[in-house]
């Protein structure tokens, strides 16, 4: 009873949290180099750092992220403004 599950130990928890990323990376590499999926659908993993750097430095992706975040927050606030009074009214009936 006092013996803990070996997966619950500190080192194994880190490993279990890291495994999905390793798995996705291995599947990505296999699909790209083994199955030869078109780069249009699945770009090579080794090109990703260069593409990400290009997006942040030359394509102004931070502006796009800001606009998307603003839209999500505004939608949430509009939903709160509509749903809160509606929920209170429904509670009275």
C-alpha atoms as a PDB file:
ATOM      1  CA  UNK A   1       0.000   0.000   0.000  1.00  0.00           C
ATOM      2  CA  UNK A   2       2.834   2.367   0.828  1.00  0.00           C
ATOM      3  CA  UNK A   3       4.553   1.611  -2.467  1.00  0.00           C
ATOM      4  CA  UNK A   4       3.743   4.247  -5.080  1.00  0.00           C
ATOM      5  CA  UNK A   5       3.134   3.562  -8.702  1.00  0.00           C
ATOM      6  CA  UNK A   6       6.460   3.928 -10.530  1.00  0.00           C
ATOM      7  CA  UNK A   7       4.811   6.195 -13.121  1.00  0.00           C
ATOM      8  CA  UNK A   8       3.884   8.658 -10.380  1.00  0.00           C
ATOM      9  CA  UNK A   9       7.513   9.304  -9.458  1.00  0.00           C
ATOM     10  CA  UNK A  10       8.883  12.715 -10.363  1.00  0.00           C
ATOM     11  CA  UNK A  11      11.169  11.661 -13.214  1.00  0.00           C
ATOM     12  CA  UNK A  12       8.558   9.512 -14.876  1.00  0.00           C
ATOM     13  CA  UNK A  13       5.932  12.243 -14.733  1.00  0.00           C
ATOM     14  CA  UNK A  14       8.266  14.517 -16.676  1.00  0.00           C
ATOM     15  CA  UNK A  15       8.890  11.731 -19.174  1.00  0.00           C
ATOM     16  CA  UNK A  16       5.174  11.091 -19.602  1.00  0.00           C
ATOM     17  CA  UNK A  17       4.596  14.786 -20.222  1.00  0.00           C
ATOM     18  CA  UNK A  18       7.383  14.866 -22.794  1.00  0.00           C
ATOM     19  CA  UNK A  19       6.369  11.723 -24.711  1.00  0.00           C
ATOM     20  CA  UNK A  20       3.486  13.246 -26.715  1.00  0.00           C
ATOM     21  CA  UNK A  21       5.829  15.847 -28.198  1.00  0.00           C
ATOM     22  CA  UNK A  22       8.358  13.169 -29.094  1.00  0.00           C
ATOM     23  CA  UNK A  23       5.593  11.029 -30.604  1.00  0.00           C
ATOM     24  CA  UNK A  24       4.196  13.847 -32.739  1.00  0.00           C
ATOM     25  CA  UNK A  25       7.716  14.744 -33.897  1.00  0.00           C
ATOM     26  CA  UNK A  26       8.495  11.149 -34.876  1.00  0.00           C
ATOM     27  CA  UNK A  27       5.207  10.756 -36.763  1.00  0.00           C
ATOM     28  CA  UNK A  28       5.839  14.097 -38.521  1.00  0.00           C
ATOM     29  CA  UNK A  29       9.328  12.999 -39.599  1.00  0.00           C
ATOM     30  CA  UNK A  30       8.062   9.579 -40.714  1.00  0.00           C
ATOM     31  CA  UNK A  31       5.237  11.059 -42.773  1.00  0.00           C
ATOM     32  CA  UNK A  32       7.562  13.608 -44.338  1.00  0.00           C
ATOM     33  CA  UNK A  33      10.517  11.393 -45.167  1.00  0.00           C
ATOM     34  CA  UNK A  34       9.062   7.888 -45.153  1.00  0.00           C
ATOM     35  CA  UNK A  35       5.675   8.277 -46.811  1.00  0.00           C
ATOM     36  CA  UNK A  36       6.712  11.377 -48.806  1.00  0.00           C
ATOM     37  CA  UNK A  37       3.647  13.519 -48.124  1.00  0.00           C
ATOM     38  CA  UNK A  38       3.635  16.725 -50.150  1.00  0.00           C
ATOM     39  CA  UNK A  39       5.264  19.704 -48.377  1.00  0.00           C
ATOM     40  CA  UNK A  40       2.110  21.684 -49.165  1.00  0.00           C
ATOM     41  CA  UNK A  41       0.192  19.535 -46.662  1.00  0.00           C
ATOM     42  CA  UNK A  42       2.988  18.785 -44.187  1.00  0.00           C
ATOM     43  CA  UNK A  43       6.120  20.958 -44.435  1.00  0.00           C
ATOM     44  CA  UNK A  44       9.436  19.410 -43.417  1.00  0.00           C
ATOM     45  CA  UNK A  45      10.144  19.751 -39.719  1.00  0.00           C
ATOM     46  CA  UNK A  46      13.643  21.062 -40.365  1.00  0.00           C
ATOM     47  CA  UNK A  47      12.194  24.071 -42.237  1.00  0.00           C
ATOM     48  CA  UNK A  48       9.932  25.150 -39.373  1.00  0.00           C
ATOM     49  CA  UNK A  49      12.396  27.300 -37.347  1.00  0.00           C
ATOM     50  CA  UNK A  50      13.290  29.290 -40.484  1.00  0.00           C
ATOM     51  CA  UNK A  51       9.625  29.749 -41.406  1.00  0.00           C
ATOM     52  CA  UNK A  52       8.658  30.775 -37.869  1.00  0.00           C
ATOM     53  CA  UNK A  53      11.508  33.303 -37.752  1.00  0.00           C
ATOM     54  CA  UNK A  54      10.411  34.691 -41.127  1.00  0.00           C
ATOM     55  CA  UNK A  55       6.811  35.056 -39.926  1.00  0.00           C
ATOM     56  CA  UNK A  56       7.835  36.980 -36.814  1.00  0.00           C
ATOM     57  CA  UNK A  57      10.396  39.219 -38.509  1.00  0.00           C
ATOM     58  CA  UNK A  58       8.915  39.945 -41.949  1.00  0.00           C
ATOM     59  CA  UNK A  59       5.226  39.041 -42.017  1.00  0.00           C
ATOM     60  CA  UNK A  60       4.110  40.790 -38.803  1.00  0.00           C
ATOM     61  CA  UNK A  61       2.420  37.767 -37.265  1.00  0.00           C
ATOM     62  CA  UNK A  62       2.303  39.454 -33.851  1.00  0.00           C
ATOM     63  CA  UNK A  63      -0.207  41.933 -35.279  1.00  0.00           C
ATOM     64  CA  UNK A  64      -2.340  39.052 -36.558  1.00  0.00           C
ATOM     65  CA  UNK A  65      -2.145  37.310 -33.185  1.00  0.00           C
ATOM     66  CA  UNK A  66      -3.217  40.547 -31.486  1.00  0.00           C
ATOM     67  CA  UNK A  67      -6.199  40.975 -33.810  1.00  0.00           C
ATOM     68  CA  UNK A  68      -7.307  37.366 -33.241  1.00  0.00           C
ATOM     69  CA  UNK A  69      -6.932  37.716 -29.479  1.00  0.00           C
ATOM     70  CA  UNK A  70      -8.963  40.935 -29.541  1.00  0.00           C
ATOM     71  CA  UNK A  71     -11.761  39.208 -31.476  1.00  0.00           C
ATOM     72  CA  UNK A  72     -11.874  36.275 -29.054  1.00  0.00           C
ATOM     73  CA  UNK A  73     -11.942  38.566 -25.995  1.00  0.00           C
ATOM     74  CA  UNK A  74     -14.631  40.786 -27.518  1.00  0.00           C
ATOM     75  CA  UNK A  75     -16.768  37.756 -28.374  1.00  0.00           C
ATOM     76  CA  UNK A  76     -16.411  36.503 -24.822  1.00  0.00           C
ATOM     77  CA  UNK A  77     -17.366  39.889 -23.376  1.00  0.00           C
ATOM     78  CA  UNK A  78     -20.400  40.164 -25.665  1.00  0.00           C
ATOM     79  CA  UNK A  79     -21.454  36.662 -24.603  1.00  0.00           C
ATOM     80  CA  UNK A  80     -21.157  37.680 -20.936  1.00  0.00           C
ATOM     81  CA  UNK A  81     -23.217  40.834 -21.508  1.00  0.00           C
ATOM     82  CA  UNK A  82     -25.973  38.855 -23.234  1.00  0.00           C
ATOM     83  CA  UNK A  83     -25.902  35.643 -21.186  1.00  0.00           C
ATOM     84  CA  UNK A  84     -25.734  37.100 -17.662  1.00  0.00           C
ATOM     85  CA  UNK A  85     -29.018  39.054 -17.772  1.00  0.00           C
ATOM     86  CA  UNK A  86     -30.647  36.227 -19.724  1.00  0.00           C
ATOM     87  CA  UNK A  87     -29.578  33.707 -17.086  1.00  0.00           C
ATOM     88  CA  UNK A  88     -30.870  35.936 -14.290  1.00  0.00           C
ATOM     89  CA  UNK A  89     -34.206  36.337 -16.071  1.00  0.00           C
ATOM     90  CA  UNK A  90     -34.469  32.596 -16.603  1.00  0.00           C
ATOM     91  CA  UNK A  91     -33.768  32.054 -12.913  1.00  0.00           C
ATOM     92  CA  UNK A  92     -36.734  34.196 -11.933  1.00  0.00           C
ATOM     93  CA  UNK A  93     -39.258  32.219 -13.945  1.00  0.00           C
END
